[in-house]
C-alpha atoms as a PDB file:
ATOM      1  CA  MET A   1       0.000   0.000   0.000  1.00  0.00           C
ATOM      2  CA  ASN A   2       1.376   3.395  -0.941  1.00  0.00           C
ATOM      3  CA  LYS A   3       0.319   6.882   0.149  1.00  0.00           C
ATOM      4  CA  SER A   4      -2.415   7.296  -2.467  1.00  0.00           C
ATOM      5  CA  ASP A   5      -3.882   3.882  -1.576  1.00  0.00           C
ATOM      6  CA  LEU A   6      -3.866   4.868   2.093  1.00  0.00           C
ATOM      7  CA  ILE A   7      -5.567   8.188   1.323  1.00  0.00           C
ATOM      8  CA  GLU A   8      -8.275   6.367  -0.620  1.00  0.00           C
ATOM      9  CA  ALA A   9      -8.811   3.890   2.243  1.00  0.00           C
ATOM     10  CA  ILE A  10      -9.064   6.737   4.778  1.00  0.00           C
ATOM     11  CA  ALA A  11     -11.533   8.614   2.562  1.00  0.00           C
ATOM     12  CA  GLN A  12     -13.777   5.556   2.239  1.00  0.00           C
ATOM     13  CA  ALA A  13     -13.593   4.583   5.925  1.00  0.00           C
ATOM     14  CA  ALA A  14     -14.308   8.116   7.178  1.00  0.00           C
ATOM     15  CA  ASP A  15     -16.752   8.980   4.369  1.00  0.00           C
ATOM     16  CA  ILE A  16     -14.822  12.133   3.452  1.00  0.00           C
ATOM     17  CA  SER A  17     -13.267  13.435   0.247  1.00  0.00           C
ATOM     18  CA  LYS A  18      -9.833  12.311  -0.876  1.00  0.00           C
ATOM     19  CA  ALA A  19      -8.567  15.880  -0.473  1.00  0.00           C
ATOM     20  CA  ALA A  20      -9.709  15.964   3.162  1.00  0.00           C
ATOM     21  CA  ALA A  21      -8.210  12.526   3.772  1.00  0.00           C
ATOM     22  CA  GLU A  22      -4.891  13.687   2.298  1.00  0.00           C
ATOM     23  CA  ARG A  23      -4.857  16.755   4.547  1.00  0.00           C
ATOM     24  CA  ALA A  24      -5.631  14.553   7.568  1.00  0.00           C
ATOM     25  CA  LEU A  25      -2.847  12.103   6.693  1.00  0.00           C
ATOM     26  CA  ASP A  26      -0.342  14.899   6.040  1.00  0.00           C
ATOM     27  CA  GLY A  27      -1.293  16.518   9.347  1.00  0.00           C
ATOM     28  CA  THR A  28      -0.855  13.235  11.208  1.00  0.00           C
ATOM     29  CA  VAL A  29       2.561  12.589   9.681  1.00  0.00           C
ATOM     30  CA  ALA A  30       3.635  16.190  10.400  1.00  0.00           C
ATOM     31  CA  ALA A  31       2.528  15.912  14.043  1.00  0.00           C
ATOM     32  CA  ILE A  32       4.390  12.618  14.527  1.00  0.00           C
ATOM     33  CA  THR A  33       7.492  14.016  12.834  1.00  0.00           C
ATOM     34  CA  SER A  34       7.425  17.172  14.951  1.00  0.00           C
ATOM     35  CA  SER A  35       7.067  15.189  18.191  1.00  0.00           C
ATOM     36  CA  LEU A  36       9.929  12.873  17.285  1.00  0.00           C
ATOM     37  CA  GLN A  37      12.088  15.855  16.353  1.00  0.00           C
ATOM     38  CA  LYS A  38      11.570  17.190  19.897  1.00  0.00           C
ATOM     39  CA  GLY A  39      12.495  13.782  21.322  1.00  0.00           C
ATOM     40  CA  ASP A  40       8.966  12.907  22.437  1.00  0.00           C
ATOM     41  CA  MET A  41       7.251   9.549  22.044  1.00  0.00           C
ATOM     42  CA  VAL A  42       3.984   9.177  20.118  1.00  0.00           C
ATOM     43  CA  THR A  43       1.752   6.379  21.398  1.00  0.00           C
ATOM     44  CA  LEU A  44      -1.331   5.200  19.536  1.00  0.00           C
ATOM     45  CA  VAL A  45      -2.945   2.735  21.947  1.00  0.00           C
ATOM     46  CA  GLY A  46      -3.438  -0.645  20.301  1.00  0.00           C
ATOM     47  CA  PHE A  47      -1.399   0.335  17.239  1.00  0.00           C
ATOM     48  CA  GLY A  48       2.071   1.116  18.532  1.00  0.00           C
ATOM     49  CA  THR A  49       4.615   3.663  19.648  1.00  0.00           C
ATOM     50  CA  PHE A  50       6.929   5.862  17.615  1.00  0.00           C
ATOM     51  CA  HIS A  51      10.098   6.882  19.445  1.00  0.00           C
ATOM     52  CA  VAL A  52      13.647   8.068  18.857  1.00  0.00           C
ATOM     53  CA  GLY A  53      16.543   5.706  19.501  1.00  0.00           C
ATOM     54  CA  ASP A  54      20.237   6.429  19.791  1.00  0.00           C
ATOM     55  CA  ARG A  55      22.651   4.581  17.552  1.00  0.00           C
ATOM     56  CA  LYS A  56      26.255   4.445  18.777  1.00  0.00           C
ATOM     57  CA  ALA A  57      29.223   5.314  16.608  1.00  0.00           C
ATOM     58  CA  ARG A  58      30.690   2.263  14.929  1.00  0.00           C
ATOM     59  CA  SER A  59      33.088   1.202  12.252  1.00  0.00           C
ATOM     60  CA  GLY A  60      31.820  -0.085   8.937  1.00  0.00           C
ATOM     61  CA  ARG A  61      33.165  -1.139   5.602  1.00  0.00           C
ATOM     62  CA  ASN A  62      32.860   0.640   2.275  1.00  0.00           C
ATOM     63  CA  PRO A  63      31.416  -2.075  -0.014  1.00  0.00           C
ATOM     64  CA  ARG A  64      33.013  -0.586  -3.116  1.00  0.00           C
ATOM     65  CA  THR A  65      36.597  -0.285  -1.870  1.00  0.00           C
ATOM     66  CA  GLY A  66      36.621  -2.514   1.202  1.00  0.00           C
ATOM     67  CA  ASP A  67      38.107   0.307   3.308  1.00  0.00           C
ATOM     68  CA  THR A  68      37.100   0.640   6.942  1.00  0.00           C
ATOM     69  CA  ILE A  69      35.109   3.801   7.670  1.00  0.00           C
ATOM     70  CA  GLU A  70      33.840   5.368  10.872  1.00  0.00           C
ATOM     71  CA  ILE A  71      30.063   5.820  11.078  1.00  0.00           C
ATOM     72  CA  LYS A  72      28.989   8.670  13.363  1.00  0.00           C
ATOM     73  CA  ALA A  73      26.536   8.260  16.225  1.00  0.00           C
ATOM     74  CA  SER A  74      23.002   9.230  15.254  1.00  0.00           C
ATOM     75  CA  ARG A  75      19.416   9.392  16.405  1.00  0.00           C
ATOM     76  CA  VAL A  76      16.989   7.212  14.455  1.00  0.00           C
ATOM     77  CA  PRO A  77      13.190   6.956  14.422  1.00  0.00           C
ATOM     78  CA  LYS A  78      11.829   3.614  15.622  1.00  0.00           C
ATOM     79  CA  PHE A  79       8.423   1.960  15.836  1.00  0.00           C
ATOM     80  CA  ARG A  80       7.311  -0.605  18.381  1.00  0.00           C
ATOM     81  CA  ALA A  81       4.075  -2.389  17.461  1.00  0.00           C
ATOM     82  CA  GLY A  82       1.290  -2.573  20.051  1.00  0.00           C
ATOM     83  CA  LYS A  83      -0.362  -5.765  21.242  1.00  0.00           C
ATOM     84  CA  ALA A  84      -3.541  -5.306  19.190  1.00  0.00           C
ATOM     85  CA  LEU A  85      -1.542  -4.831  15.975  1.00  0.00           C
ATOM     86  CA  LYS A  86       0.618  -7.864  16.744  1.00  0.00           C
ATOM     87  CA  ASP A  87      -2.491  -9.972  17.414  1.00  0.00           C
ATOM     88  CA  VAL A  88      -4.075  -8.962  14.089  1.00  0.00           C
ATOM     89  CA  VAL A  89      -0.907  -9.784  12.146  1.00  0.00           C
ATOM     90  CA  ASN A  90      -0.470 -13.185  13.802  1.00  0.00           C
END
């Protein structure tokens, strides 16, 4: 499912126009992104939790040349699925 498929599904489920569904989806993504940027967690009960994790600095290998390179520490977005979502998938 891509973004346009998701917008269409939201529009049908909520009985709204595709334009309104797109604005709602864009607003949701923007709110989640903004919260993660601040370092906050976003929890959707039953669905899951978006949070920011820290990745330590490490050494890696350039696949083209085989040289060892240093990869800087970084913060990465993560998602932890909720129980209800896990139950539906299994």
